[in-house]
Amino acid sequence: MVTTDSCERNDVYMAACPCRDMLDLLANKWSALAIGALEAGPLRFGVLRKTLEGVSPKVLAQTLRKLEDNGLVDRTVYPEVPLHVEYSLTPLGRSAAEPLAHLRNWVESNAGKQ
């Protein structure tokens, strides 16, 4: 039995399925690009911001927070002066990185062909 609060199986086509939240997060361009940038290893916020040209600090911070809240990114704070914070992919984030890389590659190969 499927209720409006949850679904018994993951099916992105079902309105009440919680997996839609993950799909929405991963379909966001800044999420997809941040995950791609972190594939090579941990990065500091400033390096991520430079890598993701065009993202505002506010949007990047919100994106990283959502990725962390959903178990895709780890945030590590090093108690140094000045404070040192690094972001890295979790195992779940690394598993999402592969299909997102295929999507980014497809977009780069097919941009302008429409």
C-alpha atoms as a PDB file:
ATOM      1  CA  MET A   1       0.000   0.000   0.000  1.00  0.00           C
ATOM      2  CA  VAL A   2       1.393   3.401  -1.018  1.00  0.00           C
ATOM      3  CA  THR A   3       0.574   6.419   1.085  1.00  0.00           C
ATOM      4  CA  THR A   4       1.153  10.094   0.389  1.00  0.00           C
ATOM      5  CA  ASP A   5       3.838  10.172   3.088  1.00  0.00           C
ATOM      6  CA  SER A   6       6.118   7.490   1.638  1.00  0.00           C
ATOM      7  CA  CYS A   7       6.361   4.828  -0.989  1.00  0.00           C
ATOM      8  CA  GLU A   8       7.085   1.133  -0.574  1.00  0.00           C
ATOM      9  CA  ARG A   9       9.612   1.039  -3.413  1.00  0.00           C
ATOM     10  CA  ASN A  10      11.817   3.654  -4.979  1.00  0.00           C
ATOM     11  CA  ASP A  11      10.109   4.884  -8.115  1.00  0.00           C
ATOM     12  CA  VAL A  12      10.930   8.392  -9.314  1.00  0.00           C
ATOM     13  CA  TYR A  13       7.700   8.449 -11.306  1.00  0.00           C
ATOM     14  CA  MET A  14       5.613   8.270  -8.121  1.00  0.00           C
ATOM     15  CA  ALA A  15       4.760  11.705  -6.723  1.00  0.00           C
ATOM     16  CA  ALA A  16       5.137  10.667  -3.090  1.00  0.00           C
ATOM     17  CA  CYS A  17       8.463   8.865  -3.489  1.00  0.00           C
ATOM     18  CA  PRO A  18      11.255  10.368  -1.364  1.00  0.00           C
ATOM     19  CA  CYS A  19      13.786   9.462  -4.061  1.00  0.00           C
ATOM     20  CA  ARG A  20      12.495  12.464  -6.010  1.00  0.00           C
ATOM     21  CA  ASP A  21      14.321  14.712  -3.554  1.00  0.00           C
ATOM     22  CA  MET A  22      17.624  13.061  -4.467  1.00  0.00           C
ATOM     23  CA  LEU A  23      16.814  13.322  -8.178  1.00  0.00           C
ATOM     24  CA  ASP A  24      16.040  17.011  -7.749  1.00  0.00           C
ATOM     25  CA  LEU A  25      19.324  17.575  -5.926  1.00  0.00           C
ATOM     26  CA  LEU A  26      21.425  15.715  -8.503  1.00  0.00           C
ATOM     27  CA  ALA A  27      19.634  17.351 -11.442  1.00  0.00           C
ATOM     28  CA  ASN A  28      20.715  20.769 -10.158  1.00  0.00           C
ATOM     29  CA  LYS A  29      23.608  22.046 -12.285  1.00  0.00           C
ATOM     30  CA  TRP A  30      25.648  23.326  -9.328  1.00  0.00           C
ATOM     31  CA  SER A  31      25.288  19.992  -7.517  1.00  0.00           C
ATOM     32  CA  ALA A  32      26.363  18.058 -10.603  1.00  0.00           C
ATOM     33  CA  LEU A  33      29.317  20.379 -11.185  1.00  0.00           C
ATOM     34  CA  ALA A  34      30.407  20.394  -7.524  1.00  0.00           C
ATOM     35  CA  ILE A  35      30.377  16.596  -7.436  1.00  0.00           C
ATOM     36  CA  GLY A  36      32.423  16.551 -10.636  1.00  0.00           C
ATOM     37  CA  ALA A  37      34.950  19.010  -9.248  1.00  0.00           C
ATOM     38  CA  LEU A  38      35.348  16.902  -6.096  1.00  0.00           C
ATOM     39  CA  GLU A  39      36.039  13.687  -8.043  1.00  0.00           C
ATOM     40  CA  ALA A  40      39.776  14.433  -8.060  1.00  0.00           C
ATOM     41  CA  GLY A  41      39.873  14.795  -4.285  1.00  0.00           C
ATOM     42  CA  PRO A  42      39.097  17.151  -1.404  1.00  0.00           C
ATOM     43  CA  LEU A  43      38.911  20.873  -2.152  1.00  0.00           C
ATOM     44  CA  ARG A  44      38.587  24.029  -0.122  1.00  0.00           C
ATOM     45  CA  PHE A  45      35.604  26.305  -0.629  1.00  0.00           C
ATOM     46  CA  GLY A  46      37.622  28.972  -2.463  1.00  0.00           C
ATOM     47  CA  VAL A  47      39.085  26.459  -4.909  1.00  0.00           C
ATOM     48  CA  LEU A  48      35.631  25.017  -5.575  1.00  0.00           C
ATOM     49  CA  ARG A  49      34.269  28.516  -6.204  1.00  0.00           C
ATOM     50  CA  LYS A  50      37.040  29.280  -8.710  1.00  0.00           C
ATOM     51  CA  THR A  51      36.512  25.923 -10.413  1.00  0.00           C
ATOM     52  CA  LEU A  52      32.754  26.445 -10.743  1.00  0.00           C
ATOM     53  CA  GLU A  53      32.856  29.697 -12.686  1.00  0.00           C
ATOM     54  CA  GLY A  54      29.720  31.772 -12.260  1.00  0.00           C
ATOM     55  CA  VAL A  55      28.496  30.370  -8.941  1.00  0.00           C
ATOM     56  CA  SER A  56      27.967  32.864  -6.135  1.00  0.00           C
ATOM     57  CA  PRO A  57      29.405  32.110  -2.691  1.00  0.00           C
ATOM     58  CA  LYS A  58      25.856  31.936  -1.285  1.00  0.00           C
ATOM     59  CA  VAL A  59      24.634  29.429  -3.879  1.00  0.00           C
ATOM     60  CA  LEU A  60      27.771  27.302  -3.519  1.00  0.00           C
ATOM     61  CA  ALA A  61      27.417  27.235   0.270  1.00  0.00           C
ATOM     62  CA  GLN A  62      23.744  26.228  -0.026  1.00  0.00           C
ATOM     63  CA  THR A  63      24.595  23.549  -2.589  1.00  0.00           C
ATOM     64  CA  LEU A  64      27.385  22.070  -0.476  1.00  0.00           C
ATOM     65  CA  ARG A  65      25.121  22.089   2.587  1.00  0.00           C
ATOM     66  CA  LYS A  66      22.410  20.173   0.699  1.00  0.00           C
ATOM     67  CA  LEU A  67      24.960  17.683  -0.631  1.00  0.00           C
ATOM     68  CA  GLU A  68      26.306  17.195   2.891  1.00  0.00           C
ATOM     69  CA  ASP A  69      22.807  16.833   4.368  1.00  0.00           C
ATOM     70  CA  ASN A  70      22.063  14.105   1.812  1.00  0.00           C
ATOM     71  CA  GLY A  71      25.244  12.153   2.495  1.00  0.00           C
ATOM     72  CA  LEU A  72      27.018  12.949  -0.785  1.00  0.00           C
ATOM     73  CA  VAL A  73      29.710  15.283   0.551  1.00  0.00           C
ATOM     74  CA  ASP A  74      31.753  15.407   3.752  1.00  0.00           C
ATOM     75  CA  ARG A  75      32.817  18.712   5.276  1.00  0.00           C
ATOM     76  CA  THR A  76      36.022  18.547   7.318  1.00  0.00           C
ATOM     77  CA  VAL A  77      37.045  21.464   9.508  1.00  0.00           C
ATOM     78  CA  TYR A  78      40.706  21.750  10.478  1.00  0.00           C
ATOM     79  CA  PRO A  79      41.190  23.837  13.649  1.00  0.00           C
ATOM     80  CA  GLU A  80      43.906  26.075  12.274  1.00  0.00           C
ATOM     81  CA  VAL A  81      44.306  29.812  12.016  1.00  0.00           C
ATOM     82  CA  PRO A  82      42.835  30.737   9.654  1.00  0.00           C
ATOM     83  CA  LEU A  83      40.141  28.062   9.741  1.00  0.00           C
ATOM     84  CA  HIS A  84      40.657  25.407   7.057  1.00  0.00           C
ATOM     85  CA  VAL A  85      37.580  23.638   5.656  1.00  0.00           C
ATOM     86  CA  GLU A  86      37.686  20.951   2.973  1.00  0.00           C
ATOM     87  CA  TYR A  87      34.894  19.231   1.080  1.00  0.00           C
ATOM     88  CA  SER A  88      35.160  15.682  -0.239  1.00  0.00           C
ATOM     89  CA  LEU A  89      32.891  13.064  -1.742  1.00  0.00           C
ATOM     90  CA  THR A  90      31.495  10.307   0.435  1.00  0.00           C
ATOM     91  CA  PRO A  91      31.176   6.789  -0.999  1.00  0.00           C
ATOM     92  CA  LEU A  92      27.600   7.689  -1.958  1.00  0.00           C
ATOM     93  CA  GLY A  93      28.858  10.867  -3.638  1.00  0.00           C
ATOM     94  CA  ARG A  94      31.486   8.892  -5.561  1.00  0.00           C
ATOM     95  CA  SER A  95      28.775   6.524  -6.767  1.00  0.00           C
ATOM     96  CA  ALA A  96      26.749   9.515  -8.031  1.00  0.00           C
ATOM     97  CA  ALA A  97      29.827  11.011  -9.704  1.00  0.00           C
ATOM     98  CA  GLU A  98      30.070   8.327 -12.387  1.00  0.00           C
ATOM     99  CA  PRO A  99      26.659   8.803 -14.033  1.00  0.00           C
ATOM    100  CA  LEU A 100      26.973  12.572 -13.634  1.00  0.00           C
ATOM    101  CA  ALA A 101      30.328  12.442 -15.453  1.00  0.00           C
ATOM    102  CA  HIS A 102      28.613  10.659 -18.334  1.00  0.00           C
ATOM    103  CA  LEU A 103      25.984  13.388 -18.427  1.00  0.00           C
ATOM    104  CA  ARG A 104      28.599  16.186 -18.387  1.00  0.00           C
ATOM    105  CA  ASN A 105      30.567  14.459 -21.159  1.00  0.00           C
ATOM    106  CA  TRP A 106      27.420  14.024 -23.243  1.00  0.00           C
ATOM    107  CA  VAL A 107      26.523  17.709 -22.798  1.00  0.00           C
ATOM    108  CA  GLU A 108      30.025  18.847 -23.793  1.00  0.00           C
ATOM    109  CA  SER A 109      29.981  16.570 -26.863  1.00  0.00           C
ATOM    110  CA  ASN A 110      26.516  17.584 -28.009  1.00  0.00           C
ATOM    111  CA  ALA A 111      26.260  21.265 -27.116  1.00  0.00           C
ATOM    112  CA  GLY A 112      25.363  23.251 -30.191  1.00  0.00           C
ATOM    113  CA  LYS A 113      24.020  20.280 -32.179  1.00  0.00           C
ATOM    114  CA  GLN A 114      20.382  21.202 -31.719  1.00  0.00           C
END
